[in-house]
């Protein structure tokens, strides 16, 4: 461990081997920080926060602050952050309310760029990129490999599907299906994220099947329920298409169109 003399660390904080804590940082009660994680100067890691291994927390981050929700009554809720995450300057990540599991959660290998905000009860998967000043309201769910471009706001309880991409300065108030591109205020779909899928090594037959499913669901005049049934019957079956259809069927906020 390498803890700067000006840092303030609660007596019950659990600091693993190889952790560095920079000048004037504050580590709160019942905080756990995994091996080889680096906490920059002037960062604040508040009570009940868990950070995994090999993370890099840059200067002036605030992680684990109380949720901005009037329903919060001081319950013991948490922020849980996985391994190999990079969290840049001035990012804010808030504790959960008691709803759901009482946790705000980030997975592994995520890049959260400067001034981004992750609100209470958000659930983020792995390999997600949130660009500068991207903002998540409460209870947002983001699946693996999604990209949220800069200055974008995501409405509370909205879901962002895997391998999707949200364009810059967008306002997203409905669910964004996996594998798609959405952009605008209010965000609309602009087809599949084909470049992203190819870069991730998706098989050609899976991409073609997703094209067929997208065409039936979003480019026909069929009612959504009818279009989903048609896609299930006519499109080549593969895990990607099944996830695409299931995500849409599970939507409670409606889908970007």
Protein backbone atom coordinates (compact mmCIF):
# COMPACT_ATOMS: atom_id res chain seq x y z
CA UNK A 1 0.00 0.00 0.00
CA UNK A 2 1.03 3.58 -0.67
CA UNK A 3 -1.25 5.99 1.17
CA UNK A 4 -0.29 9.66 1.06
CA UNK A 5 0.13 11.29 4.45
CA UNK A 6 -2.62 13.83 3.72
CA UNK A 7 -5.21 11.22 2.77
CA UNK A 8 -7.94 10.42 5.31
CA UNK A 9 -8.82 6.73 5.56
CA UNK A 10 -11.50 5.39 7.91
CA UNK A 11 -10.17 2.85 10.42
CA UNK A 12 -12.46 0.08 9.16
CA UNK A 13 -11.69 0.60 5.45
CA UNK A 14 -10.26 -2.53 3.85
CA UNK A 15 -7.33 -1.60 1.62
CA UNK A 16 -5.71 -4.44 -0.35
CA UNK A 17 -2.10 -4.92 -1.42
CA UNK A 18 -0.71 -2.58 -4.03
CA UNK A 19 -3.35 0.12 -3.58
CA UNK A 20 -2.27 3.75 -3.98
CA UNK A 21 -4.25 6.60 -2.43
CA UNK A 22 -3.27 10.11 -3.48
CA UNK A 23 -3.00 13.38 -1.58
CA UNK A 24 -6.09 14.75 0.18
CA UNK A 25 -8.32 11.84 -0.81
CA UNK A 26 -10.97 10.64 1.63
CA UNK A 27 -11.89 6.97 2.12
CA UNK A 28 -15.06 6.44 4.15
CA UNK A 29 -16.39 3.81 6.54
CA UNK A 30 -16.77 0.19 5.47
CA UNK A 31 -15.07 0.83 2.12
CA UNK A 32 -13.24 -2.01 0.36
CA UNK A 33 -10.60 -1.32 -2.31
CA UNK A 34 -9.12 -4.22 -4.29
CA UNK A 35 -5.54 -5.01 -5.22
CA UNK A 36 -3.51 -2.57 -7.32
CA UNK A 37 -6.26 0.03 -7.58
CA UNK A 38 -5.04 3.63 -7.78
CA UNK A 39 -7.05 6.44 -6.18
CA UNK A 40 -5.92 9.85 -7.43
CA UNK A 41 -5.64 13.06 -5.40
CA UNK A 42 -8.72 14.78 -3.97
CA UNK A 43 -11.00 11.81 -4.66
CA UNK A 44 -13.80 10.98 -2.22
CA UNK A 45 -14.87 7.36 -1.76
CA UNK A 46 -17.78 7.44 0.65
CA UNK A 47 -19.21 4.89 3.06
CA UNK A 48 -20.18 1.35 1.98
CA UNK A 49 -18.43 1.51 -1.39
CA UNK A 50 -16.67 -1.52 -2.85
CA UNK A 51 -14.08 -1.10 -5.63
CA UNK A 52 -12.43 -4.08 -7.30
CA UNK A 53 -8.90 -4.76 -8.47
CA UNK A 54 -6.78 -2.84 -10.99
CA UNK A 55 -9.09 0.17 -11.15
CA UNK A 56 -7.91 3.72 -11.78
CA UNK A 57 -9.90 6.44 -10.03
CA UNK A 58 -8.75 9.87 -11.18
CA UNK A 59 -8.62 13.12 -9.24
CA UNK A 60 -11.76 14.78 -7.89
CA UNK A 61 -14.04 11.77 -8.37
CA UNK A 62 -16.95 11.38 -5.96
CA UNK A 63 -18.05 7.77 -5.49
CA UNK A 64 -20.69 6.59 -3.04
CA UNK A 65 -22.34 9.92 -2.21
CA UNK A 66 -25.95 9.88 -1.06
CA UNK A 67 -28.54 9.46 -3.82
CA UNK A 68 -30.35 12.49 -5.20
CA UNK A 69 -33.74 10.96 -4.44
CA UNK A 70 -36.25 12.32 -1.94
CA UNK A 71 -37.35 8.78 -1.07
CA UNK A 72 -33.94 7.98 0.42
CA UNK A 73 -34.16 7.59 4.17
CA UNK A 74 -30.57 6.90 5.15
CA UNK A 75 -30.64 3.16 4.53
CA UNK A 76 -27.36 1.25 4.31
CA UNK A 77 -27.06 1.00 0.55
CA UNK A 78 -23.97 0.55 -1.59
CA UNK A 79 -21.92 1.22 -4.68
CA UNK A 80 -20.20 -1.88 -6.04
CA UNK A 81 -17.56 -1.45 -8.77
CA UNK A 82 -15.85 -4.40 -10.45
CA UNK A 83 -12.31 -4.87 -11.74
CA UNK A 84 -10.22 -3.03 -14.34
CA UNK A 85 -12.38 0.09 -14.51
CA UNK A 86 -11.13 3.56 -15.41
CA UNK A 87 -13.07 6.43 -13.86
CA UNK A 88 -11.89 9.83 -14.97
CA UNK A 89 -11.88 13.30 -13.43
CA UNK A 90 -14.97 14.67 -11.66
CA UNK A 91 -17.11 11.58 -12.24
CA UNK A 92 -19.94 11.15 -9.72
CA UNK A 93 -21.39 7.73 -8.85
CA UNK A 94 -24.14 7.70 -6.22
CA UNK A 95 -25.27 5.15 -3.68
CA UNK A 96 -28.54 3.35 -4.28
CA UNK A 97 -31.85 3.85 -2.55
CA UNK A 98 -33.37 0.84 -0.83
CA UNK A 99 -35.28 -0.08 -4.01
CA UNK A 100 -34.29 -3.16 -6.01
CA UNK A 101 -31.15 -4.66 -4.42
CA UNK A 102 -30.07 -1.42 -2.77
CA UNK A 103 -26.96 -1.24 -4.94
CA UNK A 104 -25.52 0.89 -7.73
CA UNK A 105 -23.35 -1.50 -9.70
CA UNK A 106 -20.62 -1.26 -12.34
CA UNK A 107 -19.13 -4.39 -13.88
CA UNK A 108 -15.61 -4.83 -15.26
CA UNK A 109 -13.46 -3.08 -17.88
CA UNK A 110 -15.58 0.07 -18.14
CA UNK A 111 -14.35 3.53 -19.12
CA UNK A 112 -16.26 6.38 -17.48
CA UNK A 113 -14.95 9.65 -18.87
CA UNK A 114 -14.70 13.03 -17.17
CA UNK A 115 -17.77 14.67 -15.61
CA UNK A 116 -20.03 11.69 -16.30
CA UNK A 117 -22.73 10.88 -13.73
CA UNK A 118 -24.10 7.49 -12.66
CA UNK A 119 -27.16 7.93 -10.47
CA UNK A 120 -28.60 5.72 -7.75
CA UNK A 121 -29.58 2.13 -8.54
CA UNK A 122 -28.00 2.14 -12.00
CA UNK A 123 -26.73 -1.23 -13.18
CA UNK A 124 -23.89 -1.22 -15.72
CA UNK A 125 -22.40 -4.33 -17.30
CA UNK A 126 -18.90 -4.78 -18.71
CA UNK A 127 -16.82 -3.00 -21.37
CA UNK A 128 -19.07 0.07 -21.43
CA UNK A 129 -17.84 3.49 -22.52
CA UNK A 130 -19.50 6.61 -21.13
CA UNK A 131 -18.05 9.71 -22.77
CA UNK A 132 -17.60 13.12 -21.15
CA UNK A 133 -20.65 14.55 -19.37
CA UNK A 134 -22.83 11.54 -20.19
CA UNK A 135 -25.51 11.41 -17.50
CA UNK A 136 -27.57 8.49 -16.24
CA UNK A 137 -30.68 9.10 -14.15
CA UNK A 138 -31.74 6.63 -11.49
CA UNK A 139 -32.36 2.94 -12.20
CA UNK A 140 -30.85 3.01 -15.71
CA UNK A 141 -29.55 -0.35 -16.96
CA UNK A 142 -26.76 -0.58 -19.54
CA UNK A 143 -25.72 -3.87 -21.08
CA UNK A 144 -22.22 -4.93 -22.11
CA UNK A 145 -20.21 -3.05 -24.76
CA UNK A 146 -22.66 -0.16 -25.06
CA UNK A 147 -21.25 3.28 -25.91
CA UNK A 148 -22.86 6.45 -24.53
CA UNK A 149 -21.48 9.50 -26.33
CA UNK A 150 -20.76 12.85 -24.72
CA UNK A 151 -23.39 15.22 -23.33
CA UNK A 152 -26.06 12.52 -23.53
CA UNK A 153 -28.79 12.19 -20.92
CA UNK A 154 -30.58 8.92 -20.17
CA UNK A 155 -34.03 9.06 -18.53
CA UNK A 156 -34.62 7.09 -15.33
CA UNK A 157 -35.54 3.39 -15.68
CA UNK A 158 -34.37 3.35 -19.31
CA UNK A 159 -32.44 0.32 -20.63
CA UNK A 160 -29.59 0.50 -23.13
CA UNK A 161 -28.94 -2.75 -24.99
CA UNK A 162 -25.66 -4.53 -25.55
CA UNK A 163 -23.35 -3.32 -28.33
CA UNK A 164 -25.55 -0.29 -28.98
CA UNK A 165 -24.26 3.22 -29.53
CA UNK A 166 -25.91 6.49 -28.48
CA UNK A 167 -24.86 9.57 -30.45
CA UNK A 168 -23.62 12.74 -28.79
CA UNK A 169 -25.92 15.25 -27.08
CA UNK A 170 -28.85 12.85 -27.24
CA UNK A 171 -31.82 12.70 -24.87
CA UNK A 172 -32.88 9.09 -24.43
CA UNK A 173 -36.30 8.54 -22.86
CA UNK A 174 -37.12 5.07 -24.21
CA UNK A 175 -35.25 1.76 -24.28
CA UNK A 176 -32.58 1.37 -26.96
CA UNK A 177 -32.47 -2.19 -28.37
CA UNK A 178 -29.17 -4.06 -28.45
CA UNK A 179 -26.96 -3.81 -31.54
CA UNK A 180 -28.51 -0.52 -32.70
CA UNK A 181 -27.56 3.15 -33.10
CA UNK A 182 -29.74 5.84 -31.53
CA UNK A 183 -29.33 9.58 -31.74
CA UNK A 184 -31.18 12.82 -31.20
CA UNK A 185 -33.45 14.67 -28.81
CA UNK A 186 -35.64 12.61 -28.38
CA UNK A 187 -33.47 9.73 -29.51
CA UNK A 188 -34.53 7.73 -32.56
CA UNK A 189 -33.06 4.60 -34.10
CA UNK A 190 -30.73 4.89 -37.08
CA UNK A 191 -30.25 1.22 -37.89
CA UNK A 192 -27.86 -1.39 -36.60
CA UNK A 193 -24.42 -0.61 -35.19
CA UNK A 194 -22.81 -2.49 -38.07
CA UNK A 195 -19.30 -1.10 -37.68
CA UNK A 196 -19.34 -1.91 -33.98
CA UNK A 197 -20.61 -5.44 -34.58
CA UNK A 198 -17.93 -6.12 -37.18
CA UNK A 199 -15.22 -4.76 -34.90
CA UNK A 200 -16.43 -7.04 -32.12
CA UNK A 201 -16.13 -10.03 -34.45
CA UNK A 202 -19.79 -10.92 -34.89
CA UNK A 203 -20.34 -13.66 -37.46
CA UNK A 204 -21.65 -12.61 -40.86
CA UNK A 205 -24.72 -14.82 -40.55
CA UNK A 206 -25.59 -13.25 -37.18
CA UNK A 207 -25.32 -9.75 -38.64
CA UNK A 208 -27.50 -10.71 -41.61
CA UNK A 209 -30.07 -12.25 -39.27
CA UNK A 210 -30.12 -9.06 -37.17
CA UNK A 211 -30.65 -7.04 -40.35
CA UNK A 212 -33.64 -9.20 -41.23
CA UNK A 213 -35.10 -8.89 -37.73
CA UNK A 214 -34.55 -5.12 -37.67
CA UNK A 215 -36.22 -4.73 -41.06
CA UNK A 216 -39.31 -6.66 -39.98
CA UNK A 217 -39.66 -4.99 -36.59
CA UNK A 218 -38.78 -1.39 -37.43
CA UNK A 219 -39.21 -0.98 -41.18
CA UNK A 220 -42.56 -2.65 -41.75
CA UNK A 221 -46.03 -1.26 -41.09
CA UNK A 222 -46.87 -4.11 -38.75
CA UNK A 223 -47.92 -3.61 -35.16
CA UNK A 224 -44.98 -4.28 -32.86
CA UNK A 225 -46.50 -7.42 -31.38
CA UNK A 226 -47.20 -8.82 -34.84
CA UNK A 227 -43.75 -7.83 -36.12
CA UNK A 228 -42.02 -9.57 -33.21
CA UNK A 229 -43.97 -12.75 -33.86
CA UNK A 230 -43.13 -12.58 -37.56
CA UNK A 231 -39.43 -12.08 -36.82
CA UNK A 232 -39.39 -15.06 -34.48
CA UNK A 233 -40.89 -17.27 -37.16
CA UNK A 234 -39.03 -16.06 -40.25
CA UNK A 235 -35.55 -14.89 -39.17
CA UNK A 236 -32.68 -17.35 -38.84
CA UNK A 237 -32.43 -18.36 -35.20
CA UNK A 238 -29.27 -17.29 -33.37
CA UNK A 239 -28.47 -15.97 -29.87
CA UNK A 240 -28.19 -12.39 -31.11
CA UNK A 241 -31.65 -12.38 -32.67
CA UNK A 242 -33.16 -14.04 -29.61
CA UNK A 243 -31.64 -11.37 -27.36
CA UNK A 244 -32.76 -8.60 -29.72
CA UNK A 245 -36.37 -9.80 -29.67
CA UNK A 246 -36.44 -10.62 -25.96
CA UNK A 247 -35.09 -7.18 -25.05
CA UNK A 248 -37.90 -5.52 -26.98
CA UNK A 249 -40.54 -7.82 -25.49
CA UNK A 250 -39.31 -7.03 -21.97
CA UNK A 251 -39.52 -3.26 -22.39
CA UNK A 252 -41.64 -1.36 -19.88
CA UNK A 253 -40.83 2.15 -21.13
CA UNK A 254 -41.42 1.47 -24.82
CA UNK A 255 -38.70 1.29 -27.47
CA UNK A 256 -36.95 3.99 -29.49
CA UNK A 257 -38.26 3.76 -33.04
